[in-house]
């Protein structure tokens, strides 16, 4: 799959649940449907919890990948 260009990027290194989800959600609320948010996480539980919570909110998870030691990227498309 070709890499999707993110409209915004949110660096949440050093943040833990539930703040990782809350901060991601607040940024998405400022974005238009169809736009893409890339979230950078270094807290392993957030790598599971942020995508799960975003799906429950009706958003689309485009990608989840490890990009370094203890570093992950979650790519979310705003649906609504």
Protein backbone atom coordinates (compact mmCIF):
# COMPACT_ATOMS: atom_id res chain seq x y z
CA UNK A 1 0.00 0.00 0.00
CA UNK A 2 1.31 3.43 -0.90
CA UNK A 3 2.04 5.70 2.02
CA UNK A 4 -0.83 8.06 2.73
CA UNK A 5 0.09 11.71 3.14
CA UNK A 6 -1.00 12.97 6.55
CA UNK A 7 -2.70 16.34 6.78
CA UNK A 8 -1.57 16.70 10.40
CA UNK A 9 0.93 14.94 12.63
CA UNK A 10 0.67 14.61 16.39
CA UNK A 11 3.75 13.63 18.42
CA UNK A 12 2.59 12.04 21.68
CA UNK A 13 5.92 10.66 22.88
CA UNK A 14 5.95 10.66 26.67
CA UNK A 15 2.13 10.61 26.91
CA UNK A 16 0.16 7.69 28.37
CA UNK A 17 -3.44 6.45 28.20
CA UNK A 18 -6.02 7.93 28.28
CA UNK A 19 -4.30 11.20 27.28
CA UNK A 20 -3.04 9.72 24.00
CA UNK A 21 -6.61 9.05 22.87
CA UNK A 22 -8.03 12.32 24.24
CA UNK A 23 -5.37 14.47 22.56
CA UNK A 24 -5.77 12.56 19.27
CA UNK A 25 -9.54 13.00 19.40
CA UNK A 26 -9.24 16.76 20.07
CA UNK A 27 -7.01 17.22 17.00
CA UNK A 28 -9.38 15.12 14.84
CA UNK A 29 -12.30 17.33 15.93
CA UNK A 30 -10.48 20.29 14.31
CA UNK A 31 -10.04 18.40 11.03
CA UNK A 32 -12.39 17.89 8.08
CA UNK A 33 -13.84 14.48 7.11
CA UNK A 34 -11.42 12.71 4.77
CA UNK A 35 -8.33 14.31 6.28
CA UNK A 36 -5.60 12.09 7.73
CA UNK A 37 -3.90 12.33 11.13
CA UNK A 38 -0.59 10.60 11.87
CA UNK A 39 -0.06 9.94 15.59
CA UNK A 40 3.40 9.06 16.96
CA UNK A 41 3.33 6.99 20.16
CA UNK A 42 5.96 5.53 22.47
CA UNK A 43 3.59 3.98 25.03
CA UNK A 44 2.83 0.38 23.98
CA UNK A 45 -0.71 0.17 25.48
CA UNK A 46 -1.69 3.26 23.45
CA UNK A 47 -0.79 1.43 20.23
CA UNK A 48 -3.74 -0.88 20.93
CA UNK A 49 -6.04 1.52 22.77
CA UNK A 50 -5.93 4.55 20.45
CA UNK A 51 -6.93 2.61 17.28
CA UNK A 52 -9.60 0.64 19.19
CA UNK A 53 -11.13 3.82 20.62
CA UNK A 54 -10.93 5.62 17.26
CA UNK A 55 -12.78 2.76 15.54
CA UNK A 56 -15.45 2.95 18.26
CA UNK A 57 -15.75 6.67 17.47
CA UNK A 58 -16.35 5.81 13.79
CA UNK A 59 -12.92 6.79 12.46
CA UNK A 60 -10.89 4.71 9.97
CA UNK A 61 -7.50 3.28 10.92
CA UNK A 62 -5.33 3.27 7.80
CA UNK A 63 -2.09 1.94 9.26
CA UNK A 64 -0.35 0.92 12.47
CA UNK A 65 3.37 0.29 12.30
CA UNK A 66 6.46 0.25 14.43
CA UNK A 67 8.87 2.93 13.24
CA UNK A 68 11.64 2.51 15.81
CA UNK A 69 12.56 1.00 19.15
CA UNK A 70 9.49 1.58 21.32
CA UNK A 71 8.03 3.96 18.71
CA UNK A 72 4.87 3.50 16.66
CA UNK A 73 2.87 5.38 14.06
CA UNK A 74 -0.93 5.20 13.88
CA UNK A 75 -2.57 6.71 10.79
CA UNK A 76 -6.24 7.71 11.14
CA UNK A 77 -8.66 9.04 8.52
CA UNK A 78 -11.43 11.24 9.90
CA UNK A 79 -14.74 9.82 8.77
CA UNK A 80 -17.18 11.97 10.73
